[in-house]
């Protein structure tokens, strides 16, 4: 093979329908906290192959299910078919101190703390996945107080977004980019001012097998 042994390839394989129902919402196309956790564990093992002194894996202190949320996700919003909503579960953790910015503007860019404080939108079709796990409008950056000077660029879609703060616990500087939000991105130009040791590309099948050029990374 002509592929460098520094390039690590892997996937999260679903065995059957029950496996899908365990790891994904019924009313939304995204993975739930169980799928997110399995995805993170697999990515952590991938990163550790080229990063032997990677800090220990991120471990939530607790999972937190919100009893007042019956999540009606994208599939329910599109059809408006009367269906029972999904349980919505998040996590509690004590991450390292990080400065977060979106296109250079500092902020939190998720509403996890608000949800934990009981400040939860009551619209039955609220976009809980994006509100809780976070969103951004361009280049998202985490600058964290960790015991490493290693940096990473993550390229992916909303499936990767919940993993960004988890992965950021292993790096000094973490960059996340959804290519749909930056049509001018080229890897060579980015690396001039944003040196990284690791590049992670992830998401659902659309990112890897889409039939257009949306997810092609321009050198």
N, C-alpha and C. Protein backbone atom coordinates (compact mmCIF):
# COMPACT_ATOMS: atom_id res chain seq x y z
N UNK A 1 0.83 -1.19 0.00
CA UNK A 1 0.00 0.00 0.00
C UNK A 1 0.87 1.25 0.00
N UNK A 2 0.40 2.32 -0.69
CA UNK A 2 1.11 3.58 -0.72
C UNK A 2 0.64 4.54 0.37
N UNK A 3 -0.29 4.10 1.20
CA UNK A 3 -0.80 4.94 2.28
C UNK A 3 0.17 4.91 3.44
N UNK A 4 0.55 6.07 3.94
CA UNK A 4 1.47 6.16 5.07
C UNK A 4 0.88 5.49 6.29
N UNK A 5 1.76 4.87 7.10
CA UNK A 5 1.28 4.25 8.33
C UNK A 5 0.91 5.30 9.37
N UNK A 6 1.13 6.58 9.07
CA UNK A 6 0.69 7.66 9.94
C UNK A 6 -0.78 8.00 9.73
N UNK A 7 -1.35 7.50 8.63
CA UNK A 7 -2.76 7.73 8.34
C UNK A 7 -3.57 6.58 8.94
N UNK A 8 -4.41 6.90 9.89
CA UNK A 8 -5.21 5.89 10.60
C UNK A 8 -6.65 5.98 10.10
N UNK A 9 -7.19 4.87 9.64
CA UNK A 9 -8.56 4.80 9.14
C UNK A 9 -9.39 3.91 10.04
N UNK A 10 -10.61 4.34 10.34
CA UNK A 10 -11.49 3.50 11.14
C UNK A 10 -12.93 3.98 10.97
N UNK A 11 -13.87 3.22 11.48
CA UNK A 11 -15.28 3.58 11.40
C UNK A 11 -16.02 2.95 12.58
N UNK A 12 -17.19 3.50 12.85
CA UNK A 12 -18.06 2.93 13.88
C UNK A 12 -19.14 2.13 13.17
N UNK A 13 -19.03 0.82 13.25
CA UNK A 13 -19.90 -0.06 12.49
C UNK A 13 -21.12 -0.44 13.32
N UNK A 14 -22.31 -0.33 12.73
CA UNK A 14 -23.55 -0.73 13.39
C UNK A 14 -23.91 -2.15 12.95
N UNK A 15 -24.16 -2.99 13.93
CA UNK A 15 -24.40 -4.40 13.63
C UNK A 15 -25.82 -4.66 13.12
N UNK A 16 -26.80 -3.93 13.66
CA UNK A 16 -28.20 -4.22 13.34
C UNK A 16 -29.07 -3.04 13.76
N UNK A 17 -30.38 -3.18 13.61
CA UNK A 17 -31.31 -2.11 13.95
C UNK A 17 -31.24 -1.77 15.43
N UNK A 18 -31.15 -2.78 16.28
CA UNK A 18 -31.07 -2.51 17.72
C UNK A 18 -29.84 -1.67 18.05
N UNK A 19 -28.74 -1.94 17.36
CA UNK A 19 -27.52 -1.17 17.56
C UNK A 19 -27.75 0.29 17.18
N UNK A 20 -28.48 0.50 16.09
CA UNK A 20 -28.80 1.86 15.66
C UNK A 20 -29.68 2.56 16.69
N UNK A 21 -30.70 1.88 17.17
CA UNK A 21 -31.62 2.48 18.14
C UNK A 21 -30.94 2.79 19.46
N UNK A 22 -29.89 2.05 19.78
CA UNK A 22 -29.15 2.31 21.02
C UNK A 22 -28.29 3.55 20.90
N UNK A 23 -27.74 3.79 19.72
CA UNK A 23 -26.71 4.83 19.56
C UNK A 23 -27.17 6.08 18.81
N UNK A 24 -28.39 6.04 18.27
CA UNK A 24 -28.90 7.19 17.53
C UNK A 24 -30.31 7.51 18.00
N UNK A 25 -30.72 8.77 17.79
CA UNK A 25 -32.10 9.14 18.07
C UNK A 25 -33.02 8.52 17.01
N UNK A 26 -34.28 8.31 17.39
CA UNK A 26 -35.28 7.85 16.41
C UNK A 26 -35.79 9.00 15.56
N UNK A 27 -35.92 10.19 16.17
CA UNK A 27 -36.54 11.32 15.49
C UNK A 27 -35.53 12.29 14.89
N UNK A 28 -34.26 11.96 14.98
CA UNK A 28 -33.20 12.85 14.50
C UNK A 28 -32.12 11.99 13.85
N UNK A 29 -31.37 12.58 12.90
CA UNK A 29 -30.36 11.81 12.19
C UNK A 29 -29.06 11.68 12.96
N UNK A 30 -28.89 12.42 14.05
CA UNK A 30 -27.63 12.41 14.79
C UNK A 30 -27.53 11.25 15.77
N UNK A 31 -26.29 11.00 16.20
CA UNK A 31 -26.09 10.01 17.27
C UNK A 31 -26.39 10.64 18.62
N UNK A 32 -26.81 9.78 19.57
CA UNK A 32 -27.12 10.26 20.92
C UNK A 32 -25.87 10.13 21.79
N UNK A 33 -26.02 10.34 23.09
CA UNK A 33 -24.86 10.35 23.98
C UNK A 33 -24.12 9.01 23.96
N UNK A 34 -24.85 7.91 23.72
CA UNK A 34 -24.18 6.59 23.69
C UNK A 34 -23.33 6.45 22.42
N UNK A 35 -23.87 6.89 21.28
CA UNK A 35 -23.09 6.88 20.05
C UNK A 35 -21.92 7.84 20.11
N UNK A 36 -22.16 9.03 20.67
CA UNK A 36 -21.09 10.02 20.83
C UNK A 36 -19.96 9.44 21.67
N UNK A 37 -20.31 8.78 22.76
CA UNK A 37 -19.28 8.21 23.65
C UNK A 37 -18.48 7.13 22.94
N UNK A 38 -19.16 6.29 22.15
CA UNK A 38 -18.45 5.24 21.42
C UNK A 38 -17.57 5.85 20.32
N UNK A 39 -18.07 6.89 19.67
CA UNK A 39 -17.28 7.56 18.66
C UNK A 39 -16.03 8.18 19.26
N UNK A 40 -16.18 8.82 20.42
CA UNK A 40 -15.01 9.41 21.07
C UNK A 40 -13.99 8.35 21.44
N UNK A 41 -14.45 7.23 22.01
CA UNK A 41 -13.52 6.17 22.42
C UNK A 41 -12.72 5.65 21.23
N UNK A 42 -13.38 5.50 20.09
CA UNK A 42 -12.68 5.01 18.90
C UNK A 42 -11.68 6.06 18.40
N UNK A 43 -12.08 7.32 18.41
CA UNK A 43 -11.18 8.39 17.96
C UNK A 43 -9.99 8.52 18.90
N UNK A 44 -10.22 8.38 20.20
CA UNK A 44 -9.12 8.47 21.16
C UNK A 44 -8.06 7.40 20.86
N UNK A 45 -8.51 6.20 20.55
CA UNK A 45 -7.56 5.12 20.22
C UNK A 45 -6.82 5.42 18.93
N UNK A 46 -7.52 6.00 17.96
CA UNK A 46 -6.87 6.37 16.70
C UNK A 46 -5.79 7.43 16.93
N UNK A 47 -6.12 8.47 17.69
CA UNK A 47 -5.17 9.54 17.94
C UNK A 47 -3.96 9.04 18.72
N UNK A 48 -4.18 8.11 19.63
CA UNK A 48 -3.09 7.64 20.50
C UNK A 48 -2.01 6.88 19.72
N UNK A 49 -2.33 6.39 18.53
CA UNK A 49 -1.34 5.65 17.75
C UNK A 49 -0.19 6.55 17.29
N UNK A 50 -0.49 7.80 17.01
CA UNK A 50 0.55 8.77 16.62
C UNK A 50 0.86 9.77 17.72
N UNK A 51 0.25 9.59 18.87
CA UNK A 51 0.37 10.53 19.99
C UNK A 51 0.50 9.69 21.26
N UNK A 52 1.65 9.03 21.44
CA UNK A 52 1.80 8.03 22.50
C UNK A 52 1.65 8.57 23.91
N UNK A 53 1.96 9.86 24.12
CA UNK A 53 1.82 10.43 25.46
C UNK A 53 0.55 11.27 25.59
N UNK A 54 -0.47 10.92 24.83
CA UNK A 54 -1.75 11.62 24.90
C UNK A 54 -2.29 11.56 26.33
N UNK A 55 -2.82 12.67 26.87
CA UNK A 55 -3.41 12.63 28.22
C UNK A 55 -4.52 11.59 28.30
N UNK A 56 -4.82 11.18 29.51
CA UNK A 56 -5.80 10.09 29.67
C UNK A 56 -7.15 10.49 29.10
N UNK A 57 -7.93 9.49 28.76
CA UNK A 57 -9.20 9.70 28.06
C UNK A 57 -10.15 10.56 28.88
N UNK A 58 -10.94 11.35 28.16
CA UNK A 58 -11.97 12.17 28.78
C UNK A 58 -13.05 11.26 29.35
N UNK A 59 -13.42 11.50 30.59
CA UNK A 59 -14.46 10.69 31.24
C UNK A 59 -15.47 11.62 31.90
N UNK A 60 -16.71 11.63 31.44
CA UNK A 60 -17.74 12.41 32.13
C UNK A 60 -17.91 11.92 33.56
N UNK A 61 -18.21 12.85 34.45
CA UNK A 61 -18.45 12.45 35.84
C UNK A 61 -19.83 11.82 36.00
N UNK A 62 -20.75 12.14 35.08
CA UNK A 62 -22.09 11.56 35.14
C UNK A 62 -22.81 11.83 33.83
N UNK A 63 -23.75 10.94 33.49
CA UNK A 63 -24.69 11.20 32.41
C UNK A 63 -25.94 11.81 33.01
N UNK A 64 -26.54 12.74 32.30
CA UNK A 64 -27.67 13.49 32.83
C UNK A 64 -28.81 13.49 31.82
N UNK A 65 -29.90 12.77 32.14
CA UNK A 65 -31.07 12.75 31.28
C UNK A 65 -32.06 13.82 31.74
N UNK A 66 -32.55 14.61 30.80
CA UNK A 66 -33.45 15.71 31.13
C UNK A 66 -34.90 15.20 31.08
N UNK A 67 -35.56 15.06 32.23
CA UNK A 67 -36.88 14.42 32.26
C UNK A 67 -37.96 15.21 31.53
N UNK A 68 -37.78 16.51 31.37
CA UNK A 68 -38.81 17.33 30.73
C UNK A 68 -38.64 17.46 29.22
N UNK A 69 -37.60 16.83 28.69
CA UNK A 69 -37.38 16.91 27.24
C UNK A 69 -37.85 15.63 26.56
N UNK A 70 -38.71 15.79 25.57
CA UNK A 70 -39.00 14.72 24.63
C UNK A 70 -38.56 15.26 23.27
N UNK A 71 -37.37 14.84 22.88
CA UNK A 71 -36.67 15.44 21.75
C UNK A 71 -37.32 15.04 20.43
N UNK A 72 -37.82 16.03 19.70
CA UNK A 72 -38.36 15.83 18.36
C UNK A 72 -37.38 16.46 17.38
N UNK A 73 -36.54 15.62 16.80
CA UNK A 73 -35.41 16.10 16.01
C UNK A 73 -35.76 16.42 14.57
N UNK A 74 -34.74 16.45 13.73
CA UNK A 74 -34.88 16.89 12.34
C UNK A 74 -35.94 16.09 11.59
N UNK A 75 -35.96 14.78 11.78
CA UNK A 75 -36.91 13.94 11.04
C UNK A 75 -38.34 14.24 11.47
N UNK A 76 -38.54 14.50 12.76
CA UNK A 76 -39.87 14.86 13.25
C UNK A 76 -40.27 16.25 12.78
N UNK A 77 -39.32 17.19 12.77
CA UNK A 77 -39.63 18.56 12.33
C UNK A 77 -40.00 18.60 10.86
N UNK A 78 -39.35 17.77 10.06
CA UNK A 78 -39.62 17.78 8.62
C UNK A 78 -41.00 17.22 8.30
N UNK A 79 -41.41 16.21 9.02
CA UNK A 79 -42.65 15.51 8.70
C UNK A 79 -43.84 16.01 9.51
N UNK A 80 -43.58 16.54 10.72
CA UNK A 80 -44.62 16.91 11.67
C UNK A 80 -45.54 15.74 11.99
N UNK A 81 -45.03 14.53 11.77
CA UNK A 81 -45.82 13.34 12.10
C UNK A 81 -45.86 13.19 13.62
N UNK A 82 -47.05 12.97 14.19
CA UNK A 82 -47.16 12.87 15.65
C UNK A 82 -46.48 11.60 16.18
N UNK A 83 -45.31 11.76 16.73
CA UNK A 83 -44.53 10.63 17.20
C UNK A 83 -43.99 10.96 18.58
N UNK A 84 -43.80 9.94 19.39
CA UNK A 84 -43.23 10.16 20.71
C UNK A 84 -41.77 10.60 20.58
N UNK A 85 -41.39 11.61 21.34
CA UNK A 85 -40.04 12.14 21.26
C UNK A 85 -39.03 11.22 21.93
N UNK A 86 -37.76 11.50 21.67
CA UNK A 86 -36.65 10.74 22.25
C UNK A 86 -36.29 11.28 23.63
N UNK A 87 -35.74 10.42 24.46
CA UNK A 87 -35.06 10.90 25.66
C UNK A 87 -33.83 11.69 25.22
N UNK A 88 -33.50 12.70 26.00
CA UNK A 88 -32.32 13.51 25.68
C UNK A 88 -31.37 13.49 26.87
N UNK A 89 -30.17 13.00 26.63
CA UNK A 89 -29.18 12.82 27.70
C UNK A 89 -27.91 13.57 27.36
N UNK A 90 -27.40 14.29 28.35
CA UNK A 90 -26.12 14.98 28.23
C UNK A 90 -25.14 14.42 29.23
N UNK A 91 -24.16 15.23 29.60
CA UNK A 91 -23.13 14.74 30.52
C UNK A 91 -22.62 15.87 31.39
N UNK A 92 -22.12 15.49 32.55
CA UNK A 92 -21.43 16.42 33.43
C UNK A 92 -19.95 16.08 33.42
N UNK A 93 -19.10 17.10 33.48
CA UNK A 93 -17.66 16.87 33.46
C UNK A 93 -16.96 18.13 33.97
N UNK A 94 -15.71 17.94 34.36
CA UNK A 94 -14.87 19.08 34.76
C UNK A 94 -13.70 19.13 33.78
N UNK A 95 -13.85 19.84 32.67
CA UNK A 95 -12.79 19.90 31.67
C UNK A 95 -11.73 20.92 32.07
N UNK A 96 -10.59 20.93 31.40
CA UNK A 96 -9.62 21.99 31.65
C UNK A 96 -10.18 23.34 31.23
N UNK A 97 -9.60 24.39 31.75
CA UNK A 97 -10.04 25.73 31.39
C UNK A 97 -9.67 26.01 29.94
N UNK A 98 -10.66 26.44 29.16
CA UNK A 98 -10.44 26.70 27.74
C UNK A 98 -11.03 28.05 27.36
N UNK A 99 -10.34 28.74 26.48
CA UNK A 99 -10.88 29.95 25.85
C UNK A 99 -11.41 29.54 24.49
N UNK A 100 -12.69 29.81 24.24
CA UNK A 100 -13.37 29.34 23.03
C UNK A 100 -13.71 30.55 22.17
N UNK A 101 -13.52 30.42 20.87
CA UNK A 101 -13.90 31.49 19.96
C UNK A 101 -14.41 30.92 18.65
N UNK A 102 -15.32 31.66 18.04
CA UNK A 102 -15.87 31.33 16.73
C UNK A 102 -15.56 32.50 15.80
N UNK A 103 -14.74 32.25 14.80
CA UNK A 103 -14.27 33.30 13.90
C UNK A 103 -13.64 34.46 14.68
N UNK A 104 -12.92 34.11 15.74
CA UNK A 104 -12.20 35.10 16.53
C UNK A 104 -13.00 35.77 17.62
N UNK A 105 -14.30 35.49 17.71
CA UNK A 105 -15.16 36.10 18.72
C UNK A 105 -15.32 35.14 19.89
N UNK A 106 -14.91 35.56 21.09
CA UNK A 106 -14.94 34.68 22.25
C UNK A 106 -16.38 34.45 22.72
N UNK A 107 -16.63 33.23 23.21
CA UNK A 107 -17.94 32.89 23.72
C UNK A 107 -17.96 31.44 24.16
N UNK A 108 -19.16 30.94 24.49
CA UNK A 108 -19.29 29.53 24.90
C UNK A 108 -19.65 28.64 23.72
N UNK A 109 -20.59 29.09 22.90
CA UNK A 109 -21.03 28.39 21.69
C UNK A 109 -21.66 27.03 21.96
N UNK A 110 -22.19 26.87 23.16
CA UNK A 110 -23.15 25.81 23.47
C UNK A 110 -23.95 26.28 24.68
N UNK A 111 -25.04 25.56 24.97
CA UNK A 111 -25.91 25.93 26.09
C UNK A 111 -25.96 24.83 27.14
N UNK A 112 -24.87 24.09 27.28
CA UNK A 112 -24.84 23.00 28.26
C UNK A 112 -25.11 23.52 29.67
N UNK A 113 -24.42 24.57 30.07
CA UNK A 113 -24.60 25.10 31.42
C UNK A 113 -26.03 25.56 31.65
N UNK A 114 -26.62 26.20 30.64
CA UNK A 114 -28.00 26.67 30.77
C UNK A 114 -28.96 25.49 30.94
N UNK A 115 -28.76 24.45 30.16
CA UNK A 115 -29.60 23.25 30.30
C UNK A 115 -29.45 22.66 31.69
N UNK A 116 -28.22 22.59 32.19
CA UNK A 116 -27.99 22.03 33.51
C UNK A 116 -28.62 22.88 34.60
N UNK A 117 -28.79 24.17 34.33
CA UNK A 117 -29.42 25.08 35.30
C UNK A 117 -30.94 25.11 35.14
N UNK A 118 -31.48 24.28 34.24
CA UNK A 118 -32.92 24.22 34.05
C UNK A 118 -33.47 25.21 33.05
N UNK A 119 -32.61 25.94 32.37
CA UNK A 119 -33.05 26.92 31.37
C UNK A 119 -33.14 26.24 30.01
N UNK A 120 -34.24 25.52 29.81
CA UNK A 120 -34.41 24.66 28.64
C UNK A 120 -35.54 25.21 27.77
N UNK A 121 -35.33 25.38 26.47
CA UNK A 121 -36.40 25.86 25.59
C UNK A 121 -37.61 24.94 25.66
N UNK A 122 -38.82 25.53 25.65
CA UNK A 122 -40.02 24.70 25.79
C UNK A 122 -40.73 24.48 24.46
N UNK A 123 -40.19 24.98 23.37
CA UNK A 123 -40.74 24.68 22.05
C UNK A 123 -40.58 23.18 21.80
N UNK A 124 -41.67 22.47 21.47
CA UNK A 124 -41.56 21.01 21.29
C UNK A 124 -40.60 20.61 20.17
N UNK A 125 -40.34 21.51 19.23
CA UNK A 125 -39.42 21.20 18.14
C UNK A 125 -38.07 21.92 18.30
N UNK A 126 -37.72 22.22 19.53
CA UNK A 126 -36.42 22.87 19.79
C UNK A 126 -35.28 22.00 19.28
N UNK A 127 -34.24 22.65 18.79
CA UNK A 127 -33.08 21.94 18.24
C UNK A 127 -32.11 21.62 19.39
N UNK A 128 -32.53 20.69 20.23
CA UNK A 128 -31.76 20.42 21.45
C UNK A 128 -30.35 19.93 21.15
N UNK A 129 -30.18 19.14 20.10
CA UNK A 129 -28.84 18.61 19.79
C UNK A 129 -27.85 19.75 19.56
N UNK A 130 -28.20 20.68 18.67
CA UNK A 130 -27.30 21.78 18.37
C UNK A 130 -27.17 22.77 19.51
N UNK A 131 -28.26 22.99 20.25
CA UNK A 131 -28.20 23.94 21.35
C UNK A 131 -27.37 23.39 22.51
N UNK A 132 -27.54 22.13 22.81
CA UNK A 132 -26.82 21.55 23.95
C UNK A 132 -25.36 21.26 23.60
N UNK A 133 -25.13 20.56 22.51
CA UNK A 133 -23.77 20.14 22.16
C UNK A 133 -22.98 21.23 21.44
N UNK A 134 -23.67 22.24 20.91
CA UNK A 134 -22.97 23.38 20.37
C UNK A 134 -23.08 23.53 18.86
N UNK A 135 -22.81 24.74 18.40
CA UNK A 135 -22.78 25.05 16.98
C UNK A 135 -21.80 26.20 16.77
N UNK A 136 -21.58 26.56 15.54
CA UNK A 136 -20.64 27.62 15.20
C UNK A 136 -20.98 28.12 13.80
N UNK A 137 -20.40 29.28 13.45
CA UNK A 137 -20.66 29.83 12.12
C UNK A 137 -19.43 29.82 11.23
N UNK A 138 -18.27 29.46 11.80
CA UNK A 138 -17.03 29.41 11.03
C UNK A 138 -15.98 28.62 11.78
N UNK A 139 -14.75 29.08 11.75
CA UNK A 139 -13.66 28.38 12.43
C UNK A 139 -13.84 28.47 13.94
N UNK A 140 -14.02 27.32 14.58
CA UNK A 140 -14.18 27.24 16.03
C UNK A 140 -12.83 26.86 16.64
N UNK A 141 -12.44 27.58 17.69
CA UNK A 141 -11.13 27.34 18.31
C UNK A 141 -11.28 27.13 19.81
N UNK A 142 -10.55 26.14 20.31
CA UNK A 142 -10.42 25.91 21.75
C UNK A 142 -8.95 26.09 22.10
N UNK A 143 -8.65 27.04 22.97
CA UNK A 143 -7.29 27.24 23.47
C UNK A 143 -7.31 26.84 24.95
N UNK A 144 -6.76 25.67 25.28
CA UNK A 144 -6.96 25.06 26.59
C UNK A 144 -5.68 25.01 27.41
N UNK A 145 -5.86 25.09 28.72
CA UNK A 145 -4.75 24.97 29.66
C UNK A 145 -4.51 23.48 29.93
N UNK A 146 -3.73 22.87 29.07
CA UNK A 146 -3.40 21.46 29.19
C UNK A 146 -1.89 21.31 29.29
N UNK A 147 -1.46 20.15 29.68
CA UNK A 147 -0.01 19.90 29.84
C UNK A 147 0.59 19.39 28.54
N UNK A 148 0.29 20.07 27.45
CA UNK A 148 0.83 19.68 26.15
C UNK A 148 0.91 20.92 25.27
N UNK A 149 1.78 20.91 24.30
CA UNK A 149 1.82 21.99 23.31
C UNK A 149 1.43 21.48 21.94
N UNK A 150 0.67 20.41 21.92
CA UNK A 150 0.25 19.78 20.67
C UNK A 150 -1.07 20.40 20.20
N UNK A 151 -1.24 20.54 18.88
CA UNK A 151 -2.43 21.14 18.29
C UNK A 151 -3.08 20.18 17.30
N UNK A 152 -4.39 20.37 17.09
CA UNK A 152 -5.13 19.50 16.18
C UNK A 152 -6.13 20.31 15.36
N UNK A 153 -6.31 19.92 14.11
CA UNK A 153 -7.38 20.43 13.25
C UNK A 153 -8.39 19.31 13.06
N UNK A 154 -9.65 19.60 13.36
CA UNK A 154 -10.75 18.65 13.15
C UNK A 154 -11.62 19.18 12.02
N UNK A 155 -11.84 18.38 11.01
CA UNK A 155 -12.73 18.73 9.91
C UNK A 155 -13.90 17.76 9.92
N UNK A 156 -15.12 18.28 9.93
CA UNK A 156 -16.28 17.40 9.97
C UNK A 156 -17.57 18.19 10.03
N UNK A 157 -18.66 17.46 10.19
CA UNK A 157 -19.96 18.11 10.25
C UNK A 157 -20.51 18.04 11.67
N UNK A 158 -21.82 18.19 11.81
CA UNK A 158 -22.42 18.29 13.14
C UNK A 158 -22.30 17.01 13.96
N UNK A 159 -21.99 15.89 13.32
CA UNK A 159 -21.74 14.67 14.09
C UNK A 159 -20.47 14.83 14.94
N UNK A 160 -19.52 15.58 14.44
CA UNK A 160 -18.26 15.76 15.16
C UNK A 160 -18.36 16.83 16.25
N UNK A 161 -19.34 17.72 16.15
CA UNK A 161 -19.37 18.88 17.04
C UNK A 161 -19.37 18.51 18.53
N UNK A 162 -20.14 17.50 18.99
CA UNK A 162 -20.09 17.16 20.42
C UNK A 162 -18.73 16.63 20.87
N UNK A 163 -17.94 16.11 19.93
CA UNK A 163 -16.64 15.53 20.28
C UNK A 163 -15.55 16.58 20.43
N UNK A 164 -15.78 17.78 19.89
CA UNK A 164 -14.73 18.80 19.89
C UNK A 164 -14.26 19.14 21.30
N UNK A 165 -15.15 19.46 22.26
CA UNK A 165 -14.65 19.78 23.61
C UNK A 165 -14.01 18.59 24.30
N UNK A 166 -14.40 17.37 23.94
CA UNK A 166 -13.78 16.18 24.53
C UNK A 166 -12.35 16.03 24.00
N UNK A 167 -12.20 16.13 22.68
CA UNK A 167 -10.87 16.01 22.07
C UNK A 167 -9.97 17.16 22.50
N UNK A 168 -10.56 18.34 22.71
CA UNK A 168 -9.78 19.51 23.10
C UNK A 168 -9.06 19.32 24.44
N UNK A 169 -9.53 18.39 25.27
CA UNK A 169 -8.87 18.16 26.56
C UNK A 169 -7.49 17.55 26.39
N UNK A 170 -7.15 17.10 25.17
CA UNK A 170 -5.85 16.47 24.91
C UNK A 170 -4.88 17.39 24.17
N UNK A 171 -5.29 18.62 23.91
CA UNK A 171 -4.48 19.51 23.08
C UNK A 171 -4.42 20.91 23.68
N UNK A 172 -3.37 21.63 23.30
CA UNK A 172 -3.30 23.04 23.68
C UNK A 172 -4.26 23.86 22.82
N UNK A 173 -4.22 23.60 21.52
CA UNK A 173 -5.08 24.36 20.62
C UNK A 173 -5.83 23.39 19.70
N UNK A 174 -7.14 23.51 19.69
CA UNK A 174 -7.99 22.67 18.85
C UNK A 174 -8.77 23.56 17.89
N UNK A 175 -8.70 23.22 16.61
CA UNK A 175 -9.46 23.93 15.58
C UNK A 175 -10.52 22.99 15.02
N UNK A 176 -11.74 23.52 14.85
CA UNK A 176 -12.80 22.71 14.23
C UNK A 176 -13.39 23.50 13.08
N UNK A 177 -13.53 22.83 11.94
CA UNK A 177 -14.08 23.49 10.76
C UNK A 177 -15.06 22.57 10.05
N UNK A 178 -16.26 23.09 9.83
CA UNK A 178 -17.25 22.45 8.96
C UNK A 178 -17.09 23.10 7.59
N UNK A 179 -16.65 22.34 6.61
CA UNK A 179 -16.33 22.91 5.30
C UNK A 179 -17.52 23.57 4.62
N UNK A 180 -18.73 23.25 5.04
CA UNK A 180 -19.91 23.91 4.48
C UNK A 180 -19.94 25.38 4.87
N UNK A 181 -19.19 25.74 5.91
CA UNK A 181 -19.19 27.13 6.40
C UNK A 181 -18.00 27.94 5.89
N UNK A 182 -17.12 27.32 5.12
CA UNK A 182 -15.97 28.04 4.57
C UNK A 182 -15.61 27.43 3.22
N UNK A 183 -16.18 28.00 2.16
CA UNK A 183 -15.96 27.47 0.81
C UNK A 183 -14.56 27.81 0.29
N UNK A 184 -13.84 28.73 0.96
CA UNK A 184 -12.53 29.16 0.47
C UNK A 184 -11.38 28.43 1.15
N UNK A 185 -11.67 27.50 2.04
CA UNK A 185 -10.63 26.84 2.83
C UNK A 185 -9.67 26.05 1.95
N UNK A 186 -8.37 26.24 2.18
CA UNK A 186 -7.35 25.35 1.63
C UNK A 186 -6.43 24.95 2.77
N UNK A 187 -6.01 23.70 2.77
CA UNK A 187 -5.22 23.19 3.88
C UNK A 187 -3.87 23.89 3.97
N UNK A 188 -3.23 24.12 2.84
CA UNK A 188 -1.89 24.73 2.87
C UNK A 188 -1.94 26.15 3.44
N UNK A 189 -2.94 26.93 3.05
CA UNK A 189 -3.06 28.29 3.58
C UNK A 189 -3.36 28.27 5.08
N UNK A 190 -4.20 27.34 5.50
CA UNK A 190 -4.55 27.25 6.91
C UNK A 190 -3.32 26.94 7.76
N UNK A 191 -2.50 26.00 7.31
CA UNK A 191 -1.37 25.54 8.11
C UNK A 191 -0.26 26.59 8.23
N UNK A 192 -0.26 27.59 7.35
CA UNK A 192 0.75 28.65 7.45
C UNK A 192 0.67 29.34 8.80
N UNK A 193 -0.55 29.65 9.24
CA UNK A 193 -0.74 30.39 10.49
C UNK A 193 -1.30 29.54 11.62
N UNK A 194 -1.62 28.28 11.33
CA UNK A 194 -2.21 27.41 12.35
C UNK A 194 -1.49 26.06 12.32
N UNK A 195 -0.25 25.99 12.78
CA UNK A 195 0.47 24.71 12.74
C UNK A 195 -0.17 23.67 13.66
N UNK A 196 -0.32 22.46 13.15
CA UNK A 196 -0.91 21.37 13.93
C UNK A 196 -0.08 20.10 13.74
N UNK A 197 -0.13 19.24 14.75
CA UNK A 197 0.51 17.93 14.65
C UNK A 197 -0.45 16.87 14.14
N UNK A 198 -1.75 17.07 14.38
CA UNK A 198 -2.75 16.07 14.01
C UNK A 198 -3.87 16.70 13.21
N UNK A 199 -4.39 15.95 12.25
CA UNK A 199 -5.58 16.34 11.49
C UNK A 199 -6.56 15.18 11.58
N UNK A 200 -7.78 15.47 12.02
CA UNK A 200 -8.82 14.46 12.18
C UNK A 200 -9.99 14.83 11.27
N UNK A 201 -10.40 13.89 10.44
CA UNK A 201 -11.55 14.09 9.56
C UNK A 201 -12.62 13.09 9.97
N UNK A 202 -13.82 13.57 10.27
CA UNK A 202 -14.84 12.65 10.75
C UNK A 202 -16.24 13.15 10.44
N UNK A 203 -17.21 12.27 10.65
CA UNK A 203 -18.60 12.62 10.41
C UNK A 203 -19.38 11.39 9.97
N UNK A 204 -20.54 11.62 9.40
CA UNK A 204 -21.33 10.50 8.90
C UNK A 204 -20.92 10.19 7.46
N UNK A 205 -21.68 9.31 6.82
CA UNK A 205 -21.31 8.86 5.48
C UNK A 205 -21.26 10.00 4.47
N UNK A 206 -22.06 11.04 4.69
CA UNK A 206 -22.09 12.18 3.76
C UNK A 206 -20.70 12.80 3.60
N UNK A 207 -19.93 12.86 4.68
CA UNK A 207 -18.61 13.49 4.63
C UNK A 207 -17.67 12.71 3.72
N UNK A 208 -17.79 11.39 3.74
CA UNK A 208 -16.83 10.55 3.02
C UNK A 208 -17.33 10.05 1.67
N UNK A 209 -18.65 9.92 1.53
CA UNK A 209 -19.19 9.29 0.32
C UNK A 209 -20.18 10.17 -0.42
N UNK A 210 -20.27 11.45 -0.07
CA UNK A 210 -21.19 12.35 -0.76
C UNK A 210 -20.85 12.45 -2.24
N UNK A 211 -21.86 12.69 -3.07
CA UNK A 211 -21.65 12.67 -4.52
C UNK A 211 -21.36 14.06 -5.09
N UNK A 212 -20.92 14.99 -4.25
CA UNK A 212 -20.51 16.31 -4.74
C UNK A 212 -19.13 16.64 -4.19
N UNK A 213 -18.66 17.84 -4.47
CA UNK A 213 -17.31 18.23 -4.05
C UNK A 213 -17.30 18.99 -2.73
N UNK A 214 -18.43 18.99 -2.03
CA UNK A 214 -18.56 19.80 -0.83
C UNK A 214 -17.50 19.48 0.21
N UNK A 215 -17.17 18.19 0.36
CA UNK A 215 -16.26 17.78 1.42
C UNK A 215 -14.85 17.46 0.92
N UNK A 216 -14.57 17.80 -0.34
CA UNK A 216 -13.20 17.65 -0.82
C UNK A 216 -12.31 18.71 -0.17
N UNK A 217 -11.21 18.30 0.41
CA UNK A 217 -10.31 19.23 1.08
C UNK A 217 -9.30 19.75 0.05
N UNK A 218 -9.35 21.04 -0.21
CA UNK A 218 -8.44 21.64 -1.19
C UNK A 218 -7.03 21.74 -0.59
N UNK A 219 -6.03 21.22 -1.29
CA UNK A 219 -4.67 21.28 -0.76
C UNK A 219 -4.16 22.72 -0.72
